[in-house]
Amino acid sequence: LNLQFVGCRAEELPFRAAAFDLIIAAQSFHWFQPHAALPEFSRVLKPAGLLAVFWNTRDPALKHVRAFEDLVQRFNPGHQCAYRRKDWDEILSSTGDFSVEDYMEFRFTAPMTIEDWIGLVRSISYVRAIGNDQMPAFESALRQELERFESLDIDYTTECWLARRKS
């Protein structure tokens, strides 16, 4: 495979027009400015190219997931997962560059240990927002909470929107 990694902003892509068949935004589109990113995606996609955006959501019915969420609220009281409640169909079609063609949900279970959880939370932006000085206390509290549960596996739902570039 001939892969090239480029660091750039979604709103200012350093690629020629009509260069790609597909753009994927995994766990990230909510960080973009749709009014600028969507026309830029359209510019670099070939005619009828596709944009796929998706997020993984942990099942809040699981007691250990709720315990984690409670800890996040305790350490980062301003946190809200508001992006999960947005109308992504409307947002993806808001600039007129794309039409949403499909929405899919996939479910899977990720086997987890306490160490897996600690690694996971180190990659979550709203946990990182707690700050380096509070992370040891957060991780210690998380370990203590998770030790109470027999299973630490996470049931996820992946939500995916597929939008096609309008010609």
Protein backbone atom coordinates (compact mmCIF):
# COMPACT_ATOMS: atom_id res chain seq x y z
CA LEU A 1 0.00 0.00 0.00
CA ASN A 2 1.15 3.49 -0.79
CA LEU A 3 -0.15 5.53 2.16
CA GLN A 4 0.59 9.15 2.83
CA PHE A 5 -0.35 10.90 6.07
CA VAL A 6 -1.12 14.60 5.95
CA GLY A 7 -1.90 16.83 8.91
CA CYS A 8 -4.44 19.48 7.98
CA ARG A 9 -7.76 21.07 8.88
CA ALA A 10 -10.96 19.61 7.44
CA GLU A 11 -11.93 23.11 6.34
CA GLU A 12 -8.69 23.61 4.34
CA LEU A 13 -7.66 20.41 2.59
CA PRO A 14 -4.36 20.48 0.66
CA PHE A 15 -5.61 18.21 -2.12
CA ARG A 16 -6.55 18.79 -5.73
CA ALA A 17 -10.18 18.90 -6.78
CA ALA A 18 -11.94 15.59 -7.48
CA ALA A 19 -9.08 13.55 -5.99
CA PHE A 20 -11.05 11.08 -3.85
CA ASP A 21 -13.97 8.67 -4.01
CA LEU A 22 -14.62 8.60 -0.26
CA ILE A 23 -14.05 10.72 2.84
CA ILE A 24 -14.47 9.15 6.27
CA ALA A 25 -14.86 11.11 9.48
CA ALA A 26 -14.77 8.63 12.37
CA GLN A 27 -15.55 10.04 15.81
CA SER A 28 -14.52 13.47 14.51
CA PHE A 29 -17.08 15.33 12.39
CA HIS A 30 -18.51 17.13 15.43
CA TRP A 31 -15.18 19.00 15.68
CA PHE A 32 -15.48 20.41 12.16
CA GLN A 33 -17.18 23.61 11.03
CA PRO A 34 -19.79 22.12 8.67
CA HIS A 35 -20.36 25.35 6.70
CA ALA A 36 -16.67 25.30 5.69
CA ALA A 37 -15.81 21.58 5.80
CA LEU A 38 -18.69 20.29 3.66
CA PRO A 39 -17.93 22.48 0.60
CA GLU A 40 -14.26 21.54 0.98
CA PHE A 41 -15.14 17.84 1.09
CA SER A 42 -17.28 18.33 -2.00
CA ARG A 43 -14.38 20.03 -3.77
CA VAL A 44 -11.95 17.14 -3.23
CA LEU A 45 -14.47 14.36 -3.92
CA LYS A 46 -15.06 13.00 -7.39
CA PRO A 47 -18.57 13.48 -8.81
CA ALA A 48 -20.96 11.28 -6.84
CA GLY A 49 -18.24 10.71 -4.21
CA LEU A 50 -19.26 9.64 -0.72
CA LEU A 51 -18.88 11.07 2.76
CA ALA A 52 -19.24 8.68 5.70
CA VAL A 53 -19.46 10.02 9.25
CA PHE A 54 -19.85 7.82 12.27
CA TRP A 55 -19.67 7.65 16.03
CA ASN A 56 -19.51 4.84 18.56
CA THR A 57 -21.80 5.13 21.57
CA ARG A 58 -21.42 3.06 24.72
CA ASP A 59 -24.60 1.41 26.02
CA PRO A 60 -25.70 3.55 28.99
CA ALA A 61 -27.78 0.65 30.36
CA LEU A 62 -24.58 -1.06 31.55
CA LYS A 63 -23.91 -0.26 35.21
CA HIS A 64 -20.15 0.08 34.74
CA VAL A 65 -20.69 2.48 31.82
CA ARG A 66 -23.00 4.58 34.01
CA ALA A 67 -20.37 4.53 36.78
CA PHE A 68 -17.82 5.86 34.27
CA GLU A 69 -20.22 8.58 33.08
CA ASP A 70 -20.92 9.58 36.70
CA LEU A 71 -17.19 9.93 37.32
CA VAL A 72 -16.82 12.09 34.22
CA GLN A 73 -19.59 14.36 35.51
CA ARG A 74 -17.92 14.56 38.92
CA PHE A 75 -14.52 15.48 37.47
CA ASN A 76 -15.80 17.48 34.46
CA PRO A 77 -19.20 18.88 35.49
CA GLY A 78 -19.50 21.02 32.35
CA HIS A 79 -19.34 18.03 30.00
CA GLN A 80 -22.34 17.21 27.81
CA CYS A 81 -22.37 14.79 24.88
CA ALA A 82 -24.62 17.17 22.95
CA TYR A 83 -23.21 16.24 19.55
CA ARG A 84 -24.83 12.81 19.81
CA ARG A 85 -28.28 14.43 19.85
CA LYS A 86 -27.80 16.62 16.77
CA ASP A 87 -29.74 16.09 13.55
CA TRP A 88 -26.85 14.88 11.42
CA ASP A 89 -29.06 14.39 8.34
CA GLU A 90 -29.88 18.09 8.45
CA ILE A 91 -26.29 19.15 9.15
CA LEU A 92 -24.80 17.00 6.38
CA SER A 93 -27.22 18.40 3.81
CA SER A 94 -27.16 21.98 5.19
CA THR A 95 -24.78 23.46 2.60
CA GLY A 96 -26.43 21.80 -0.39
CA ASP A 97 -23.22 19.94 -1.28
CA PHE A 98 -24.43 16.51 -0.06
CA SER A 99 -27.57 14.45 0.15
CA VAL A 100 -27.84 11.84 2.88
CA GLU A 101 -28.45 8.46 1.29
CA ASP A 102 -28.30 6.06 4.19
CA TYR A 103 -28.18 5.72 7.94
CA MET A 104 -26.97 2.50 9.52
CA GLU A 105 -26.47 1.17 13.01
CA PHE A 106 -24.12 -1.62 13.96
CA ARG A 107 -23.80 -3.20 17.38
CA PHE A 108 -20.75 -4.88 18.82
CA THR A 109 -19.17 -5.76 22.14
CA ALA A 110 -15.61 -4.78 23.02
CA PRO A 111 -13.99 -7.07 25.60
CA MET A 112 -12.47 -4.85 28.28
CA THR A 113 -10.25 -5.08 31.34
CA ILE A 114 -9.53 -2.30 33.82
CA GLU A 115 -6.31 -1.54 31.93
CA ASP A 116 -8.26 -1.37 28.67
CA TRP A 117 -10.62 1.16 30.27
CA ILE A 118 -7.71 3.26 31.50
CA GLY A 119 -6.21 3.26 28.00
CA LEU A 120 -9.58 4.16 26.50
CA VAL A 121 -10.23 7.12 28.79
CA ARG A 122 -6.81 8.55 28.03
CA SER A 123 -7.98 8.99 24.43
CA ILE A 124 -11.34 10.67 25.18
CA SER A 125 -11.27 14.45 24.78
CA TYR A 126 -13.81 15.22 27.50
CA VAL A 127 -11.84 13.09 29.94
CA ARG A 128 -8.56 14.73 28.88
CA ALA A 129 -10.29 18.08 29.55
CA ILE A 130 -10.19 17.17 33.25
CA GLY A 131 -6.54 18.19 33.09
CA ASN A 132 -3.24 16.46 33.77
CA ASP A 133 -3.30 17.43 37.44
CA GLN A 134 -6.64 15.65 38.00
CA MET A 135 -6.06 12.62 35.75
CA PRO A 136 -4.34 10.47 38.41
CA ALA A 137 -7.29 11.00 40.78
CA PHE A 138 -9.77 10.28 37.99
CA GLU A 139 -7.98 7.09 36.96
CA SER A 140 -7.73 5.95 40.58
CA ALA A 141 -11.45 6.55 41.12
CA LEU A 142 -12.24 4.74 37.86
CA ARG A 143 -10.15 1.72 38.89
CA GLN A 144 -11.94 1.61 42.23
CA GLU A 145 -15.37 1.82 40.56
CA LEU A 146 -14.59 -0.80 37.93
CA GLU A 147 -13.31 -3.31 40.49
CA ARG A 148 -16.92 -3.67 41.69
CA PHE A 149 -18.11 -5.23 38.43
CA GLU A 150 -17.81 -8.77 37.17
CA SER A 151 -17.79 -7.81 33.48
CA LEU A 152 -16.25 -4.64 32.10
CA ASP A 153 -17.06 -5.29 28.42
CA ILE A 154 -18.64 -2.41 26.53
CA ASP A 155 -21.62 -2.82 24.23
CA TYR A 156 -21.36 -0.22 21.49
CA THR A 157 -23.70 1.09 18.84
CA THR A 158 -21.97 2.54 15.80
CA GLU A 159 -24.13 5.08 14.00
CA CYS A 160 -23.13 5.84 10.42
CA TRP A 161 -24.45 8.43 7.99
CA LEU A 162 -23.59 8.08 4.31
CA ALA A 163 -23.94 11.18 2.15
CA ARG A 164 -23.33 11.53 -1.59
CA ARG A 165 -21.76 14.58 -3.21
CA LYS A 166 -24.23 16.37 -5.39
CA SER A 167 -23.00 16.91 -8.94
